[in-house]
Amino acid sequence: MIRALLKTNTGPTARLHCMGDSIPAIIGAAGVRLHKQEGDHATPAGLLPLTRVLYRADRVAAPVSHLPVEPLAPNDGWCDDPTHADYNRPITLPHPARHERLWRDDGVYNIVIVLAYNDSPPVPDRGSAIFLHLQSPDRRPTEGCIALDEADLRRLLAAGLSEIEVPPPV
């Protein structure tokens, strides 16, 4: 079991400290928040266990991981509608509620790891779709996820990364 520690001052740039390395990371545009709300563009503080790995088999090789690894399909999505019973759960598209497509054109979900946040059970408006995924080429901030370079993400998964600790802002 390997834990990484996310360190940030303010804003969307951070460092993930793991196995003696300090790895550049991108987080939510609003930085880290202890009391995350849906749509606030903040990364939630707390211990975030990794639960499963999803990947675009048409674009990348399956990552090596001790976690379950599953290919994405074009109709995979995630419900981000706090008024719907499927809030913060994987869904099959089309879906009547507001949602996010996991099959994206921009490549950031070519590898996406589901983080256990607000999922047992989901609390409406507390935040949804918090993932560990690939950085965009321009390193733009996420909507609350943690993003890494593909080589770093693959290395951490292969080493057995199992959780990320995100300390609350000071």
C-alpha atoms as a PDB file:
ATOM      1  CA  MET A   1       0.000   0.000   0.000  1.00  0.00           C
ATOM      2  CA  ILE A   2       1.582   3.230  -1.154  1.00  0.00           C
ATOM      3  CA  ARG A   3       0.315   6.639  -0.087  1.00  0.00           C
ATOM      4  CA  ALA A   4       1.150   9.889  -1.850  1.00  0.00           C
ATOM      5  CA  LEU A   5       0.948  13.311  -0.209  1.00  0.00           C
ATOM      6  CA  LEU A   6      -0.285  16.259  -2.264  1.00  0.00           C
ATOM      7  CA  LYS A   7       1.315  19.587  -1.337  1.00  0.00           C
ATOM      8  CA  THR A   8       0.210  22.966  -2.646  1.00  0.00           C
ATOM      9  CA  ASN A   9       0.396  26.603  -1.632  1.00  0.00           C
ATOM     10  CA  THR A  10      -2.415  28.225  -3.584  1.00  0.00           C
ATOM     11  CA  GLY A  11      -3.888  27.839  -7.038  1.00  0.00           C
ATOM     12  CA  PRO A  12      -3.823  24.893  -9.400  1.00  0.00           C
ATOM     13  CA  THR A  13      -0.181  23.778  -9.222  1.00  0.00           C
ATOM     14  CA  ALA A  14       0.899  21.186  -6.696  1.00  0.00           C
ATOM     15  CA  ARG A  15       3.478  18.482  -6.002  1.00  0.00           C
ATOM     16  CA  LEU A  16       2.690  14.859  -5.304  1.00  0.00           C
ATOM     17  CA  HIS A  17       5.224  13.424  -2.855  1.00  0.00           C
ATOM     18  CA  CYS A  18       5.584   9.674  -3.161  1.00  0.00           C
ATOM     19  CA  MET A  19       8.390   7.111  -2.829  1.00  0.00           C
ATOM     20  CA  GLY A  20      10.981   9.849  -2.342  1.00  0.00           C
ATOM     21  CA  ASP A  21       9.938  11.781  -5.453  1.00  0.00           C
ATOM     22  CA  SER A  22       8.290  15.178  -5.808  1.00  0.00           C
ATOM     23  CA  ILE A  23       6.065  14.953  -8.885  1.00  0.00           C
ATOM     24  CA  PRO A  24       4.438  17.978 -10.571  1.00  0.00           C
ATOM     25  CA  ALA A  25       0.641  17.839 -10.415  1.00  0.00           C
ATOM     26  CA  ILE A  26      -2.260  19.989 -11.522  1.00  0.00           C
ATOM     27  CA  ILE A  27      -5.332  20.374  -9.302  1.00  0.00           C
ATOM     28  CA  GLY A  28      -8.576  22.320  -9.366  1.00  0.00           C
ATOM     29  CA  ALA A  29      -8.485  25.966 -10.421  1.00  0.00           C
ATOM     30  CA  ALA A  30      -9.744  26.957  -6.939  1.00  0.00           C
ATOM     31  CA  GLY A  31      -7.003  25.013  -5.135  1.00  0.00           C
ATOM     32  CA  VAL A  32      -7.841  22.705  -2.218  1.00  0.00           C
ATOM     33  CA  ARG A  33     -10.984  23.072  -0.097  1.00  0.00           C
ATOM     34  CA  LEU A  34     -12.007  21.280   3.063  1.00  0.00           C
ATOM     35  CA  HIS A  35     -15.717  21.739   2.286  1.00  0.00           C
ATOM     36  CA  LYS A  36     -15.982  21.008  -1.422  1.00  0.00           C
ATOM     37  CA  GLN A  37     -19.189  21.879  -3.278  1.00  0.00           C
ATOM     38  CA  GLU A  38     -20.383  20.736  -6.701  1.00  0.00           C
ATOM     39  CA  GLY A  39     -18.976  22.997  -9.420  1.00  0.00           C
ATOM     40  CA  ASP A  40     -16.564  24.978  -7.197  1.00  0.00           C
ATOM     41  CA  HIS A  41     -13.465  23.879  -9.212  1.00  0.00           C
ATOM     42  CA  ALA A  42     -11.700  22.854  -5.981  1.00  0.00           C
ATOM     43  CA  THR A  43      -9.852  19.655  -5.158  1.00  0.00           C
ATOM     44  CA  PRO A  44     -11.263  18.118  -1.966  1.00  0.00           C
ATOM     45  CA  ALA A  45      -9.087  17.802   1.130  1.00  0.00           C
ATOM     46  CA  GLY A  46      -8.930  14.382   2.751  1.00  0.00           C
ATOM     47  CA  LEU A  47      -7.702  10.866   2.151  1.00  0.00           C
ATOM     48  CA  LEU A  48      -8.616   9.785  -1.390  1.00  0.00           C
ATOM     49  CA  PRO A  49      -8.276   6.023  -1.971  1.00  0.00           C
ATOM     50  CA  LEU A  50      -7.812   4.880  -5.572  1.00  0.00           C
ATOM     51  CA  THR A  51     -10.560   2.395  -6.477  1.00  0.00           C
ATOM     52  CA  ARG A  52     -10.244   1.424 -10.155  1.00  0.00           C
ATOM     53  CA  VAL A  53      -8.463   2.347 -13.362  1.00  0.00           C
ATOM     54  CA  LEU A  54     -10.254   3.146 -16.629  1.00  0.00           C
ATOM     55  CA  TYR A  55      -8.457   3.668 -19.926  1.00  0.00           C
ATOM     56  CA  ARG A  56      -9.011   4.287 -23.650  1.00  0.00           C
ATOM     57  CA  ALA A  57      -7.919   0.990 -25.225  1.00  0.00           C
ATOM     58  CA  ASP A  58      -8.099   2.600 -28.670  1.00  0.00           C
ATOM     59  CA  ARG A  59      -5.408   5.119 -27.644  1.00  0.00           C
ATOM     60  CA  VAL A  60      -3.178   3.686 -24.897  1.00  0.00           C
ATOM     61  CA  ALA A  61      -1.999   0.376 -23.482  1.00  0.00           C
ATOM     62  CA  ALA A  62      -3.636  -0.825 -20.286  1.00  0.00           C
ATOM     63  CA  PRO A  63      -1.811   0.545 -17.233  1.00  0.00           C
ATOM     64  CA  VAL A  64      -0.171  -1.922 -14.851  1.00  0.00           C
ATOM     65  CA  SER A  65      -1.890  -1.682 -11.468  1.00  0.00           C
ATOM     66  CA  HIS A  66      -2.968  -3.734  -8.460  1.00  0.00           C
ATOM     67  CA  LEU A  67      -6.381  -2.061  -8.887  1.00  0.00           C
ATOM     68  CA  PRO A  68      -9.093  -3.335 -11.228  1.00  0.00           C
ATOM     69  CA  VAL A  69      -8.301  -2.082 -14.764  1.00  0.00           C
ATOM     70  CA  GLU A  70     -11.151  -1.716 -17.274  1.00  0.00           C
ATOM     71  CA  PRO A  71     -11.351  -0.263 -20.794  1.00  0.00           C
ATOM     72  CA  LEU A  72     -13.682   2.678 -21.341  1.00  0.00           C
ATOM     73  CA  ALA A  73     -16.507   2.514 -23.870  1.00  0.00           C
ATOM     74  CA  PRO A  74     -17.883   5.427 -25.919  1.00  0.00           C
ATOM     75  CA  ASN A  75     -21.105   5.380 -23.882  1.00  0.00           C
ATOM     76  CA  ASP A  76     -19.437   5.628 -20.443  1.00  0.00           C
ATOM     77  CA  GLY A  77     -20.307   8.650 -18.339  1.00  0.00           C
ATOM     78  CA  TRP A  78     -20.469   9.957 -14.778  1.00  0.00           C
ATOM     79  CA  CYS A  79     -23.531  11.630 -13.261  1.00  0.00           C
ATOM     80  CA  ASP A  80     -22.820  15.081 -11.787  1.00  0.00           C
ATOM     81  CA  ASP A  81     -26.460  16.080 -11.233  1.00  0.00           C
ATOM     82  CA  PRO A  82     -27.002  16.408  -7.449  1.00  0.00           C
ATOM     83  CA  THR A  83     -30.779  16.080  -7.886  1.00  0.00           C
ATOM     84  CA  HIS A  84     -30.547  12.648  -9.546  1.00  0.00           C
ATOM     85  CA  ALA A  85     -30.370   9.246  -7.813  1.00  0.00           C
ATOM     86  CA  ASP A  86     -27.247   8.395  -9.879  1.00  0.00           C
ATOM     87  CA  TYR A  87     -25.297  11.413  -8.535  1.00  0.00           C
ATOM     88  CA  ASN A  88     -21.554  10.715  -8.374  1.00  0.00           C
ATOM     89  CA  ARG A  89     -21.928   7.301  -9.963  1.00  0.00           C
ATOM     90  CA  PRO A  90     -20.851   5.793 -13.290  1.00  0.00           C
ATOM     91  CA  ILE A  91     -23.635   5.775 -15.873  1.00  0.00           C
ATOM     92  CA  THR A  92     -24.313   4.550 -19.384  1.00  0.00           C
ATOM     93  CA  LEU A  93     -25.093   7.207 -21.985  1.00  0.00           C
ATOM     94  CA  PRO A  94     -27.464   8.489 -23.075  1.00  0.00           C
ATOM     95  CA  HIS A  95     -28.656   9.463 -19.596  1.00  0.00           C
ATOM     96  CA  PRO A  96     -31.424  11.904 -18.637  1.00  0.00           C
ATOM     97  CA  ALA A  97     -29.491  13.688 -15.874  1.00  0.00           C
ATOM     98  CA  ARG A  98     -26.594  16.128 -16.213  1.00  0.00           C
ATOM     99  CA  HIS A  99     -23.401  14.160 -16.701  1.00  0.00           C
ATOM    100  CA  GLU A 100     -19.805  14.088 -17.837  1.00  0.00           C
ATOM    101  CA  ARG A 101     -18.630  11.950 -20.759  1.00  0.00           C
ATOM    102  CA  LEU A 102     -15.667   9.721 -19.884  1.00  0.00           C
ATOM    103  CA  TRP A 103     -14.866   9.075 -23.567  1.00  0.00           C
ATOM    104  CA  ARG A 104     -13.201  12.434 -24.259  1.00  0.00           C
ATOM    105  CA  ASP A 105     -11.523  13.851 -27.348  1.00  0.00           C
ATOM    106  CA  ASP A 106      -8.875  15.831 -25.433  1.00  0.00           C
ATOM    107  CA  GLY A 107      -7.004  12.780 -24.075  1.00  0.00           C
ATOM    108  CA  VAL A 108      -7.055  13.680 -20.374  1.00  0.00           C
ATOM    109  CA  TYR A 109      -9.179  10.596 -19.652  1.00  0.00           C
ATOM    110  CA  ASN A 110      -7.035   8.253 -21.734  1.00  0.00           C
ATOM    111  CA  ILE A 111      -6.129   6.976 -18.258  1.00  0.00           C
ATOM    112  CA  VAL A 112      -8.490   7.909 -15.426  1.00  0.00           C
ATOM    113  CA  ILE A 113      -8.497   6.543 -11.882  1.00  0.00           C
ATOM    114  CA  VAL A 114     -11.659   6.765  -9.820  1.00  0.00           C
ATOM    115  CA  LEU A 115     -10.978   8.260  -6.377  1.00  0.00           C
ATOM    116  CA  ALA A 116     -13.225   7.316  -3.452  1.00  0.00           C
ATOM    117  CA  TYR A 117     -14.706  10.711  -2.676  1.00  0.00           C
ATOM    118  CA  ASN A 118     -18.309  11.399  -1.644  1.00  0.00           C
ATOM    119  CA  ASP A 119     -19.352   7.943  -2.747  1.00  0.00           C
ATOM    120  CA  SER A 120     -20.522   5.972   0.269  1.00  0.00           C
ATOM    121  CA  PRO A 121     -23.218   7.209  -0.047  1.00  0.00           C
ATOM    122  CA  PRO A 122     -22.997  10.290  -2.272  1.00  0.00           C
ATOM    123  CA  VAL A 123     -24.174  13.486  -0.574  1.00  0.00           C
ATOM    124  CA  PRO A 124     -25.873  15.889  -3.024  1.00  0.00           C
ATOM    125  CA  ASP A 125     -23.797  18.987  -3.880  1.00  0.00           C
ATOM    126  CA  ARG A 126     -20.679  17.759  -2.040  1.00  0.00           C
ATOM    127  CA  GLY A 127     -18.822  17.145  -5.299  1.00  0.00           C
ATOM    128  CA  SER A 128     -18.649  14.435  -7.926  1.00  0.00           C
ATOM    129  CA  ALA A 129     -16.359  12.898 -10.527  1.00  0.00           C
ATOM    130  CA  ILE A 130     -13.154  13.396  -8.545  1.00  0.00           C
ATOM    131  CA  PHE A 131     -10.501  11.510 -10.482  1.00  0.00           C
ATOM    132  CA  LEU A 132      -6.756  11.124 -10.906  1.00  0.00           C
ATOM    133  CA  HIS A 133      -6.147  11.571 -14.632  1.00  0.00           C
ATOM    134  CA  LEU A 134      -3.723  12.821 -17.273  1.00  0.00           C
ATOM    135  CA  GLN A 135      -2.690  16.459 -17.568  1.00  0.00           C
ATOM    136  CA  SER A 136      -3.812  18.469 -20.543  1.00  0.00           C
ATOM    137  CA  PRO A 137      -0.977  19.466 -22.908  1.00  0.00           C
ATOM    138  CA  ASP A 138      -1.282  23.097 -21.766  1.00  0.00           C
ATOM    139  CA  ARG A 139      -1.363  22.033 -18.077  1.00  0.00           C
ATOM    140  CA  ARG A 140      -4.636  23.900 -17.499  1.00  0.00           C
ATOM    141  CA  PRO A 141      -6.292  23.515 -14.079  1.00  0.00           C
ATOM    142  CA  THR A 142      -8.812  20.731 -13.527  1.00  0.00           C
ATOM    143  CA  GLU A 143     -12.379  21.079 -12.290  1.00  0.00           C
ATOM    144  CA  GLY A 144     -11.326  19.479  -8.985  1.00  0.00           C
ATOM    145  CA  CYS A 145      -9.409  16.380 -10.048  1.00  0.00           C
ATOM    146  CA  ILE A 146      -5.680  15.688  -9.689  1.00  0.00           C
ATOM    147  CA  ALA A 147      -3.781  15.448 -12.989  1.00  0.00           C
ATOM    148  CA  LEU A 148      -0.325  14.018 -13.684  1.00  0.00           C
ATOM    149  CA  ASP A 149       1.962  13.456 -16.649  1.00  0.00           C
ATOM    150  CA  GLU A 150       1.323  10.033 -18.235  1.00  0.00           C
ATOM    151  CA  ALA A 151       4.773   8.622 -17.426  1.00  0.00           C
ATOM    152  CA  ASP A 152       4.462   9.637 -13.756  1.00  0.00           C
ATOM    153  CA  LEU A 153       0.923   8.276 -13.496  1.00  0.00           C
ATOM    154  CA  ARG A 154       1.908   4.935 -15.020  1.00  0.00           C
ATOM    155  CA  ARG A 155       4.964   4.648 -12.764  1.00  0.00           C
ATOM    156  CA  LEU A 156       2.925   5.324  -9.605  1.00  0.00           C
ATOM    157  CA  LEU A 157       0.193   2.868 -10.601  1.00  0.00           C
ATOM    158  CA  ALA A 158       2.751   0.145 -11.368  1.00  0.00           C
ATOM    159  CA  ALA A 159       4.436   0.756  -7.994  1.00  0.00           C
ATOM    160  CA  GLY A 160       1.137   0.202  -6.174  1.00  0.00           C
ATOM    161  CA  LEU A 161      -0.191   3.688  -5.429  1.00  0.00           C
ATOM    162  CA  SER A 162      -3.335   3.145  -3.374  1.00  0.00           C
ATOM    163  CA  GLU A 163      -4.283   6.518  -1.865  1.00  0.00           C
ATOM    164  CA  ILE A 164      -3.588  10.230  -2.006  1.00  0.00           C
ATOM    165  CA  GLU A 165      -3.629  12.395   1.096  1.00  0.00           C
ATOM    166  CA  VAL A 166      -4.737  15.963   0.390  1.00  0.00           C
ATOM    167  CA  PRO A 167      -4.166  18.142   3.476  1.00  0.00           C
ATOM    168  CA  PRO A 168      -6.631  20.973   4.097  1.00  0.00           C
ATOM    169  CA  PRO A 169      -5.441  24.465   3.201  1.00  0.00           C
ATOM    170  CA  VAL A 170      -3.777  26.423   5.994  1.00  0.00           C
END
